């Protein structure tokens, strides 16, 4: 007889992922960033503290860029001409810096939770 415990654990994990994704879609505060000329626009985004945030980052440059933020614990490669969604959990009030991994001298910004 086969052990069904690993199967049940996998099913529970899949259900959690699906339900978590659905909850993000239902209550998101969506903000948009654009990467152009190796810089983020806008450079600062103010969001409501303790609210889930969906960042949609569009890369209008001819080269890839990587959204990187140790304070947000997020890293995402964004190919040229494409967009990426970065989901953020509810943030405590504060300033959360981010930068472009490939152009850190010009691609800089912050999420400010108030």
N, C-alpha and C. Protein backbone atom coordinates (compact mmCIF):
# COMPACT_ATOMS: atom_id res chain seq x y z
N UNK A 1 0.83 -1.18 0.00
CA UNK A 1 0.00 0.00 0.00
C UNK A 1 0.88 1.25 0.00
N UNK A 2 0.49 2.23 -0.79
CA UNK A 2 1.28 3.44 -0.93
C UNK A 2 1.02 4.39 0.23
N UNK A 3 2.04 5.13 0.54
CA UNK A 3 1.92 6.12 1.60
C UNK A 3 1.31 7.39 1.00
N UNK A 4 0.14 7.80 1.46
CA UNK A 4 -0.56 8.95 0.89
C UNK A 4 -0.21 10.25 1.61
N UNK A 5 0.56 10.15 2.69
CA UNK A 5 0.90 11.36 3.45
C UNK A 5 1.66 12.39 2.59
N UNK A 6 2.70 12.01 1.82
CA UNK A 6 3.37 13.02 0.98
C UNK A 6 2.41 13.66 -0.02
N UNK A 7 1.50 12.86 -0.57
CA UNK A 7 0.52 13.39 -1.53
C UNK A 7 -0.39 14.41 -0.86
N UNK A 8 -0.87 14.09 0.34
CA UNK A 8 -1.76 15.01 1.07
C UNK A 8 -1.03 16.29 1.45
N UNK A 9 0.24 16.18 1.83
CA UNK A 9 1.03 17.37 2.18
C UNK A 9 1.19 18.25 0.95
N UNK A 10 1.47 17.65 -0.19
CA UNK A 10 1.60 18.41 -1.43
C UNK A 10 0.29 19.10 -1.78
N UNK A 11 -0.83 18.41 -1.65
CA UNK A 11 -2.14 19.01 -1.94
C UNK A 11 -2.42 20.19 -1.02
N UNK A 12 -2.10 20.04 0.25
CA UNK A 12 -2.32 21.13 1.21
C UNK A 12 -1.46 22.33 0.86
N UNK A 13 -0.21 22.09 0.47
CA UNK A 13 0.68 23.17 0.08
C UNK A 13 0.15 23.88 -1.16
N UNK A 14 -0.30 23.14 -2.15
CA UNK A 14 -0.86 23.74 -3.38
C UNK A 14 -2.10 24.58 -3.05
N UNK A 15 -2.95 24.09 -2.20
CA UNK A 15 -4.15 24.84 -1.81
C UNK A 15 -3.77 26.13 -1.11
N UNK A 16 -2.76 26.09 -0.25
CA UNK A 16 -2.30 27.29 0.44
C UNK A 16 -1.78 28.31 -0.55
N UNK A 17 -1.01 27.88 -1.53
CA UNK A 17 -0.47 28.79 -2.54
C UNK A 17 -1.60 29.42 -3.34
N UNK A 18 -2.56 28.64 -3.77
CA UNK A 18 -3.69 29.16 -4.54
C UNK A 18 -4.49 30.16 -3.72
N UNK A 19 -4.82 29.81 -2.49
CA UNK A 19 -5.61 30.70 -1.64
C UNK A 19 -4.85 31.97 -1.30
N UNK A 20 -3.54 31.87 -1.06
CA UNK A 20 -2.75 33.06 -0.77
C UNK A 20 -2.72 33.97 -1.98
N UNK A 21 -2.57 33.41 -3.17
CA UNK A 21 -2.60 34.22 -4.39
C UNK A 21 -3.92 34.93 -4.57
N UNK A 22 -5.02 34.23 -4.26
CA UNK A 22 -6.35 34.83 -4.38
C UNK A 22 -6.52 35.96 -3.39
N UNK A 23 -5.99 35.82 -2.17
CA UNK A 23 -6.14 36.89 -1.19
C UNK A 23 -5.32 38.10 -1.59
N UNK A 24 -4.18 37.89 -2.23
CA UNK A 24 -3.41 39.03 -2.71
C UNK A 24 -4.20 39.79 -3.75
N UNK A 25 -4.84 39.11 -4.65
CA UNK A 25 -5.57 39.78 -5.73
C UNK A 25 -6.76 40.56 -5.21
N UNK A 26 -7.37 40.07 -4.15
CA UNK A 26 -8.59 40.70 -3.66
C UNK A 26 -8.34 42.02 -2.94
N UNK A 27 -7.25 42.15 -2.18
CA UNK A 27 -7.08 43.33 -1.36
C UNK A 27 -5.83 44.14 -1.66
N UNK A 28 -5.28 44.00 -2.83
CA UNK A 28 -4.03 44.69 -3.14
C UNK A 28 -4.19 46.19 -3.27
N UNK A 29 -3.14 46.88 -2.88
CA UNK A 29 -2.97 48.28 -3.22
C UNK A 29 -1.90 48.23 -4.31
N UNK A 30 -2.27 48.48 -5.55
CA UNK A 30 -1.34 48.33 -6.67
C UNK A 30 -0.63 49.63 -6.97
N UNK A 31 0.68 49.54 -7.15
CA UNK A 31 1.51 50.68 -7.53
C UNK A 31 2.36 50.27 -8.72
N UNK A 32 2.67 51.25 -9.57
CA UNK A 32 3.45 50.97 -10.78
C UNK A 32 4.76 51.74 -10.77
N UNK A 33 5.80 51.06 -11.23
CA UNK A 33 7.12 51.65 -11.42
C UNK A 33 7.54 51.40 -12.85
N UNK A 34 8.31 52.32 -13.40
CA UNK A 34 8.86 52.15 -14.74
C UNK A 34 10.37 52.27 -14.65
N UNK A 35 11.05 51.42 -15.39
CA UNK A 35 12.51 51.53 -15.53
C UNK A 35 12.76 52.10 -16.93
N UNK A 36 13.38 53.26 -16.99
CA UNK A 36 13.71 53.89 -18.27
C UNK A 36 15.00 54.67 -18.09
N UNK A 37 15.90 54.53 -19.06
CA UNK A 37 17.23 55.16 -18.98
C UNK A 37 17.94 54.77 -17.69
N UNK A 38 17.80 53.52 -17.30
CA UNK A 38 18.44 52.93 -16.12
C UNK A 38 18.08 53.67 -14.83
N UNK A 39 16.82 54.11 -14.73
CA UNK A 39 16.33 54.77 -13.52
C UNK A 39 14.88 54.37 -13.29
N UNK A 40 14.49 54.35 -12.02
CA UNK A 40 13.10 54.05 -11.66
C UNK A 40 12.29 55.34 -11.66
N UNK A 41 11.07 55.23 -12.14
CA UNK A 41 10.15 56.36 -12.09
C UNK A 41 8.79 55.84 -11.66
N UNK A 42 8.20 56.41 -10.62
CA UNK A 42 8.78 57.42 -9.74
C UNK A 42 9.87 56.80 -8.87
N UNK A 43 10.72 57.66 -8.32
CA UNK A 43 11.80 57.16 -7.46
C UNK A 43 11.29 56.80 -6.07
N UNK A 44 10.20 57.42 -5.64
CA UNK A 44 9.64 57.11 -4.33
C UNK A 44 8.15 56.82 -4.47
N UNK A 45 7.70 55.82 -3.74
CA UNK A 45 6.28 55.46 -3.71
C UNK A 45 5.85 55.48 -2.24
N UNK A 46 4.81 56.22 -1.97
CA UNK A 46 4.26 56.24 -0.61
C UNK A 46 3.05 55.32 -0.57
N UNK A 47 3.04 54.42 0.41
CA UNK A 47 1.96 53.46 0.56
C UNK A 47 1.44 53.51 1.99
N UNK A 48 0.25 52.97 2.17
CA UNK A 48 -0.33 52.88 3.49
C UNK A 48 0.36 51.74 4.25
N UNK A 49 0.80 52.03 5.48
CA UNK A 49 1.44 51.00 6.30
C UNK A 49 0.43 49.89 6.60
N UNK A 50 0.95 48.71 6.85
CA UNK A 50 0.15 47.54 7.24
C UNK A 50 -0.86 47.13 6.18
N UNK A 51 -0.53 47.38 4.91
CA UNK A 51 -1.39 47.01 3.78
C UNK A 51 -0.56 46.23 2.77
N UNK A 52 -1.12 45.16 2.22
CA UNK A 52 -0.43 44.41 1.17
C UNK A 52 -0.30 45.30 -0.06
N UNK A 53 0.85 45.21 -0.72
CA UNK A 53 1.14 46.04 -1.88
C UNK A 53 1.54 45.15 -3.05
N UNK A 54 1.03 45.50 -4.21
CA UNK A 54 1.44 44.85 -5.45
C UNK A 54 2.19 45.89 -6.28
N UNK A 55 3.49 45.68 -6.48
CA UNK A 55 4.28 46.55 -7.35
C UNK A 55 4.32 45.93 -8.73
N UNK A 56 3.96 46.69 -9.74
CA UNK A 56 4.09 46.25 -11.12
C UNK A 56 5.21 47.08 -11.73
N UNK A 57 6.31 46.43 -12.06
CA UNK A 57 7.49 47.12 -12.57
C UNK A 57 7.65 46.81 -14.04
N UNK A 58 7.66 47.86 -14.87
CA UNK A 58 7.80 47.72 -16.32
C UNK A 58 9.17 48.22 -16.75
N UNK A 59 9.87 47.39 -17.49
CA UNK A 59 11.21 47.75 -17.97
C UNK A 59 11.12 48.26 -19.41
N UNK A 60 11.29 49.56 -19.60
CA UNK A 60 11.26 50.15 -20.94
C UNK A 60 12.66 50.28 -21.54
N UNK A 61 13.67 49.80 -20.84
CA UNK A 61 15.04 49.84 -21.35
C UNK A 61 15.30 48.68 -22.30
N UNK A 62 16.33 48.81 -23.16
CA UNK A 62 16.67 47.72 -24.07
C UNK A 62 17.47 46.59 -23.40
N UNK A 63 17.78 46.75 -22.11
CA UNK A 63 18.54 45.73 -21.39
C UNK A 63 17.75 45.30 -20.14
N UNK A 64 18.04 44.11 -19.67
CA UNK A 64 17.39 43.61 -18.46
C UNK A 64 17.85 44.42 -17.24
N UNK A 65 17.00 44.45 -16.23
CA UNK A 65 17.35 45.05 -14.95
C UNK A 65 16.82 44.15 -13.85
N UNK A 66 17.46 44.20 -12.70
CA UNK A 66 17.00 43.39 -11.59
C UNK A 66 16.58 44.30 -10.44
N UNK A 67 15.31 44.22 -10.06
CA UNK A 67 14.80 44.94 -8.90
C UNK A 67 15.36 44.22 -7.69
N UNK A 68 16.06 44.96 -6.82
CA UNK A 68 16.68 44.34 -5.66
C UNK A 68 16.43 45.20 -4.43
N UNK A 69 15.98 44.57 -3.35
CA UNK A 69 15.74 45.29 -2.11
C UNK A 69 15.95 44.36 -0.92
N UNK A 70 17.11 44.47 -0.27
CA UNK A 70 17.32 43.67 0.94
C UNK A 70 16.31 44.02 2.04
N UNK A 71 15.92 45.28 2.16
CA UNK A 71 14.98 45.65 3.23
C UNK A 71 13.57 45.12 2.99
N UNK A 72 13.21 44.93 1.71
CA UNK A 72 11.92 44.34 1.37
C UNK A 72 12.02 42.82 1.18
N UNK A 73 13.25 42.32 1.17
CA UNK A 73 13.51 40.90 0.95
C UNK A 73 12.95 40.46 -0.41
N UNK A 74 13.22 41.27 -1.45
CA UNK A 74 12.72 40.97 -2.79
C UNK A 74 13.83 41.18 -3.81
N UNK A 75 13.82 40.30 -4.82
CA UNK A 75 14.76 40.37 -5.93
C UNK A 75 14.04 39.79 -7.15
N UNK A 76 14.02 40.55 -8.25
CA UNK A 76 13.27 40.09 -9.42
C UNK A 76 13.93 40.60 -10.69
N UNK A 77 14.25 39.69 -11.60
CA UNK A 77 14.80 40.05 -12.91
C UNK A 77 13.65 40.49 -13.81
N UNK A 78 13.84 41.63 -14.48
CA UNK A 78 12.81 42.14 -15.39
C UNK A 78 13.45 42.32 -16.76
N UNK A 79 13.01 41.53 -17.69
CA UNK A 79 13.57 41.55 -19.05
C UNK A 79 13.13 42.81 -19.79
N UNK A 80 13.88 43.19 -20.82
CA UNK A 80 13.52 44.39 -21.59
C UNK A 80 12.12 44.28 -22.19
N UNK A 81 11.36 45.36 -22.08
CA UNK A 81 10.02 45.39 -22.66
C UNK A 81 8.99 44.58 -21.91
N UNK A 82 9.34 44.06 -20.75
CA UNK A 82 8.40 43.23 -19.99
C UNK A 82 8.10 43.86 -18.63
N UNK A 83 7.06 43.34 -18.00
CA UNK A 83 6.67 43.78 -16.66
C UNK A 83 6.76 42.60 -15.71
N UNK A 84 6.96 42.91 -14.44
CA UNK A 84 6.98 41.90 -13.39
C UNK A 84 6.17 42.40 -12.21
N UNK A 85 5.51 41.48 -11.55
CA UNK A 85 4.73 41.81 -10.35
C UNK A 85 5.52 41.37 -9.13
N UNK A 86 5.65 42.30 -8.19
CA UNK A 86 6.37 42.03 -6.95
C UNK A 86 5.37 42.24 -5.81
N UNK A 87 5.05 41.18 -5.10
CA UNK A 87 4.09 41.24 -4.01
C UNK A 87 4.81 41.55 -2.71
N UNK A 88 4.29 42.55 -2.00
CA UNK A 88 4.87 42.93 -0.72
C UNK A 88 3.87 42.67 0.39
N UNK A 89 4.33 42.15 1.50
CA UNK A 89 3.44 41.94 2.64
C UNK A 89 3.12 43.28 3.29
N UNK A 90 2.21 43.30 4.26
CA UNK A 90 1.97 44.55 4.98
C UNK A 90 3.28 45.06 5.60
N UNK A 91 3.60 46.31 5.35
CA UNK A 91 4.85 46.89 5.83
C UNK A 91 4.62 47.76 7.06
N UNK A 92 5.53 47.68 7.99
CA UNK A 92 5.52 48.59 9.13
C UNK A 92 5.90 49.98 8.62
N UNK A 93 5.49 51.04 9.31
CA UNK A 93 5.91 52.38 8.88
C UNK A 93 7.43 52.45 8.76
N UNK A 94 7.89 53.06 7.67
CA UNK A 94 9.33 53.18 7.45
C UNK A 94 9.66 53.39 5.99
N UNK A 95 10.94 53.46 5.73
CA UNK A 95 11.47 53.65 4.38
C UNK A 95 12.19 52.37 3.96
N UNK A 96 11.83 51.84 2.80
CA UNK A 96 12.37 50.60 2.28
C UNK A 96 13.04 50.89 0.94
N UNK A 97 14.37 50.88 0.93
CA UNK A 97 15.14 51.21 -0.26
C UNK A 97 15.13 50.04 -1.26
N UNK A 98 15.19 50.39 -2.55
CA UNK A 98 15.39 49.39 -3.60
C UNK A 98 16.33 49.98 -4.64
N UNK A 99 16.90 49.11 -5.49
CA UNK A 99 17.83 49.56 -6.52
C UNK A 99 17.85 48.56 -7.66
N UNK A 100 18.40 49.00 -8.79
CA UNK A 100 18.60 48.11 -9.93
C UNK A 100 19.97 47.46 -9.79
N UNK A 101 19.99 46.17 -9.72
CA UNK A 101 21.24 45.43 -9.51
C UNK A 101 22.28 45.73 -10.59
N UNK A 102 21.84 45.95 -11.82
CA UNK A 102 22.77 46.15 -12.93
C UNK A 102 23.18 47.61 -13.10
N UNK A 103 22.44 48.55 -12.53
CA UNK A 103 22.75 49.98 -12.62
C UNK A 103 22.47 50.66 -11.28
N UNK A 104 23.14 50.22 -10.21
CA UNK A 104 22.82 50.74 -8.87
C UNK A 104 23.13 52.21 -8.68
N UNK A 105 23.99 52.77 -9.53
CA UNK A 105 24.33 54.19 -9.39
C UNK A 105 23.20 55.11 -9.85
N UNK A 106 22.34 54.64 -10.76
CA UNK A 106 21.23 55.48 -11.26
C UNK A 106 19.85 54.91 -10.95
N UNK A 107 19.73 53.61 -10.87
CA UNK A 107 18.43 52.97 -10.64
C UNK A 107 18.24 52.77 -9.13
N UNK A 108 17.71 53.81 -8.48
CA UNK A 108 17.52 53.77 -7.02
C UNK A 108 16.14 54.30 -6.69
N UNK A 109 15.58 53.83 -5.58
CA UNK A 109 14.29 54.32 -5.16
C UNK A 109 13.94 53.81 -3.78
N UNK A 110 12.69 54.13 -3.38
CA UNK A 110 12.24 53.71 -2.05
C UNK A 110 10.73 53.59 -2.00
N UNK A 111 10.27 52.64 -1.18
CA UNK A 111 8.87 52.53 -0.81
C UNK A 111 8.78 53.11 0.60
N UNK A 112 7.90 54.08 0.77
CA UNK A 112 7.72 54.71 2.07
C UNK A 112 6.35 54.31 2.60
N UNK A 113 6.34 53.59 3.70
CA UNK A 113 5.08 53.15 4.32
C UNK A 113 4.74 54.12 5.45
N UNK A 114 3.54 54.72 5.36
CA UNK A 114 3.10 55.68 6.38
C UNK A 114 1.82 55.21 7.03
